[in-house]
Amino acid sequence: MLTLTPNAVEVVRSLTSDDGVPEGTGLRIANQDGRLALALAPQPDEADRVIAGEGARLFLDDSAAAYLDDKVLDANVDDQGNPTFTLATQTPPATM
C-alpha cells in the first residue's frame, strides 16, 4: 500500500485544510492518459481507495492504486509555497 512520509502528510494536510476547502477534502491521484494527475477533491469517487491518517486524506483511482502499491510519497514546498510531490519505491524490510 502507498505510504506517506511525514513531509507528505504535512503538505497534504495543509492543502486540504486551507480556508474555503470543504471539510473531508482529500488529494485525489488518478491515472490520466498514462500519467498520474493530482487534484483536490471534496470527496472520493465511488470506486476510489481512501488512505487516511494523521489528518491527511488521499483518494486513489484503481489504476493509480495498483501502480502506487509499493511506493512512498514524499512532498516539499518551495520558496513560493508551491508543493512538489515525488515517488520512491518502498524498501523491503530487512530479513535475518
C-alpha atoms as a PDB file:
ATOM      1  CA  MET A   1       0.000   0.000   0.000  1.00  0.00           C
ATOM      2  CA  LEU A   2       1.159   3.545  -0.696  1.00  0.00           C
ATOM      3  CA  THR A   3       2.840   5.116   2.320  1.00  0.00           C
ATOM      4  CA  LEU A   4       3.428   8.791   3.019  1.00  0.00           C
ATOM      5  CA  THR A   5       6.478  10.434   4.531  1.00  0.00           C
ATOM      6  CA  PRO A   6       5.893  12.873   7.396  1.00  0.00           C
ATOM      7  CA  ASN A   7       6.522  15.723   4.918  1.00  0.00           C
ATOM      8  CA  ALA A   8       3.852  14.364   2.566  1.00  0.00           C
ATOM      9  CA  VAL A   9       1.358  14.065   5.421  1.00  0.00           C
ATOM     10  CA  GLU A  10       2.028  17.674   6.406  1.00  0.00           C
ATOM     11  CA  VAL A  11       1.708  19.011   2.839  1.00  0.00           C
ATOM     12  CA  VAL A  12      -1.490  17.059   2.087  1.00  0.00           C
ATOM     13  CA  ARG A  13      -2.987  18.118   5.415  1.00  0.00           C
ATOM     14  CA  SER A  14      -2.095  21.757   4.688  1.00  0.00           C
ATOM     15  CA  LEU A  15      -3.566  21.675   1.163  1.00  0.00           C
ATOM     16  CA  THR A  16      -6.812  20.087   2.296  1.00  0.00           C
ATOM     17  CA  SER A  17      -7.348  22.343   5.298  1.00  0.00           C
ATOM     18  CA  ASP A  18      -6.846  25.749   3.646  1.00  0.00           C
ATOM     19  CA  ASP A  19      -9.596  28.343   4.077  1.00  0.00           C
ATOM     20  CA  GLY A  20     -12.519  27.669   1.758  1.00  0.00           C
ATOM     21  CA  VAL A  21     -11.676  23.991   1.270  1.00  0.00           C
ATOM     22  CA  PRO A  22     -14.670  21.809   2.266  1.00  0.00           C
ATOM     23  CA  GLU A  23     -14.224  19.503   5.251  1.00  0.00           C
ATOM     24  CA  GLY A  24     -13.379  15.962   4.171  1.00  0.00           C
ATOM     25  CA  THR A  25     -11.484  17.100   1.075  1.00  0.00           C
ATOM     26  CA  GLY A  26      -8.609  14.895   0.011  1.00  0.00           C
ATOM     27  CA  LEU A  27      -5.852  14.798  -2.557  1.00  0.00           C
ATOM     28  CA  ARG A  28      -7.038  12.618  -5.453  1.00  0.00           C
ATOM     29  CA  ILE A  29      -4.470  10.739  -7.507  1.00  0.00           C
ATOM     30  CA  ALA A  30      -5.767   9.337 -10.776  1.00  0.00           C
ATOM     31  CA  ASN A  31      -4.375   7.923 -13.997  1.00  0.00           C
ATOM     32  CA  GLN A  32      -4.935  10.329 -16.879  1.00  0.00           C
ATOM     33  CA  ASP A  33      -3.543   9.268 -20.242  1.00  0.00           C
ATOM     34  CA  GLY A  34      -0.836   7.147 -18.633  1.00  0.00           C
ATOM     35  CA  ARG A  35       0.271   9.841 -16.194  1.00  0.00           C
ATOM     36  CA  LEU A  36      -0.620  10.445 -12.581  1.00  0.00           C
ATOM     37  CA  ALA A  37      -2.748  13.536 -12.029  1.00  0.00           C
ATOM     38  CA  LEU A  38      -3.203  15.143  -8.624  1.00  0.00           C
ATOM     39  CA  ALA A  39      -6.130  17.351  -7.683  1.00  0.00           C
ATOM     40  CA  LEU A  40      -8.073  18.325  -4.597  1.00  0.00           C
ATOM     41  CA  ALA A  41     -11.409  16.519  -4.424  1.00  0.00           C
ATOM     42  CA  PRO A  42     -14.215  17.237  -1.946  1.00  0.00           C
ATOM     43  CA  GLN A  43     -14.914  13.506  -1.660  1.00  0.00           C
ATOM     44  CA  PRO A  44     -13.667  10.253  -3.164  1.00  0.00           C
ATOM     45  CA  ASP A  45     -15.234   8.807  -6.295  1.00  0.00           C
ATOM     46  CA  GLU A  46     -17.312   5.704  -5.609  1.00  0.00           C
ATOM     47  CA  ALA A  47     -14.539   3.284  -6.650  1.00  0.00           C
ATOM     48  CA  ASP A  48     -11.617   5.210  -5.112  1.00  0.00           C
ATOM     49  CA  ARG A  49      -9.431   3.691  -2.433  1.00  0.00           C
ATOM     50  CA  VAL A  50      -9.103   6.028   0.532  1.00  0.00           C
ATOM     51  CA  ILE A  51      -5.895   6.353   2.508  1.00  0.00           C
ATOM     52  CA  ALA A  52      -6.337   8.437   5.636  1.00  0.00           C
ATOM     53  CA  GLY A  53      -4.160   9.093   8.619  1.00  0.00           C
ATOM     54  CA  GLU A  54      -2.844  11.923  10.759  1.00  0.00           C
ATOM     55  CA  GLY A  55      -5.316  14.341   9.164  1.00  0.00           C
ATOM     56  CA  ALA A  56      -4.228  13.612   5.577  1.00  0.00           C
ATOM     57  CA  ARG A  57      -6.644  12.030   3.091  1.00  0.00           C
ATOM     58  CA  LEU A  58      -5.755  10.564  -0.300  1.00  0.00           C
ATOM     59  CA  PHE A  59      -8.211   9.222  -2.858  1.00  0.00           C
ATOM     60  CA  LEU A  60      -6.716   6.790  -5.395  1.00  0.00           C
ATOM     61  CA  ASP A  61      -8.446   5.533  -8.522  1.00  0.00           C
ATOM     62  CA  ASP A  62      -7.955   1.802  -9.244  1.00  0.00           C
ATOM     63  CA  SER A  63      -5.176   2.279 -11.778  1.00  0.00           C
ATOM     64  CA  ALA A  64      -3.231   4.705  -9.587  1.00  0.00           C
ATOM     65  CA  ALA A  65      -3.721   2.490  -6.523  1.00  0.00           C
ATOM     66  CA  ALA A  66      -2.259  -0.506  -8.360  1.00  0.00           C
ATOM     67  CA  TYR A  67       0.742   1.487  -9.572  1.00  0.00           C
ATOM     68  CA  LEU A  68       1.359   3.126  -6.178  1.00  0.00           C
ATOM     69  CA  ASP A  69       1.010  -0.087  -4.166  1.00  0.00           C
ATOM     70  CA  ASP A  70       4.761  -0.375  -3.462  1.00  0.00           C
ATOM     71  CA  LYS A  71       5.569   3.356  -3.439  1.00  0.00           C
ATOM     72  CA  VAL A  72       6.364   6.054  -0.889  1.00  0.00           C
ATOM     73  CA  LEU A  73       5.000   9.559  -1.477  1.00  0.00           C
ATOM     74  CA  ASP A  74       7.168  12.459  -0.334  1.00  0.00           C
ATOM     75  CA  ALA A  75       6.498  16.181  -0.635  1.00  0.00           C
ATOM     76  CA  ASN A  76       8.223  19.509  -0.252  1.00  0.00           C
ATOM     77  CA  VAL A  77       7.156  23.119  -0.576  1.00  0.00           C
ATOM     78  CA  ASP A  78       9.334  25.588  -2.491  1.00  0.00           C
ATOM     79  CA  ASP A  79      10.094  29.195  -1.507  1.00  0.00           C
ATOM     80  CA  GLN A  80       6.953  30.397  -3.317  1.00  0.00           C
ATOM     81  CA  GLY A  81       4.741  27.952  -1.418  1.00  0.00           C
ATOM     82  CA  ASN A  82       4.258  25.507  -4.306  1.00  0.00           C
ATOM     83  CA  PRO A  83       4.148  21.828  -3.333  1.00  0.00           C
ATOM     84  CA  THR A  84       6.207  19.223  -5.169  1.00  0.00           C
ATOM     85  CA  PHE A  85       5.472  15.515  -4.831  1.00  0.00           C
ATOM     86  CA  THR A  86       7.941  12.710  -5.515  1.00  0.00           C
ATOM     87  CA  LEU A  87       7.637   8.934  -5.526  1.00  0.00           C
ATOM     88  CA  ALA A  88      10.126   6.289  -4.470  1.00  0.00           C
ATOM     89  CA  THR A  89       9.892   2.527  -4.243  1.00  0.00           C
ATOM     90  CA  GLN A  90       9.406   1.200  -0.723  1.00  0.00           C
ATOM     91  CA  THR A  91      12.419  -0.508   0.763  1.00  0.00           C
ATOM     92  CA  PRO A  92      11.578  -4.066   1.807  1.00  0.00           C
ATOM     93  CA  PRO A  93      12.157  -4.834   5.486  1.00  0.00           C
ATOM     94  CA  ALA A  94      15.475  -6.440   6.312  1.00  0.00           C
ATOM     95  CA  THR A  95      15.412 -10.175   6.904  1.00  0.00           C
ATOM     96  CA  MET A  96      17.525 -12.056   9.389  1.00  0.00           C
END
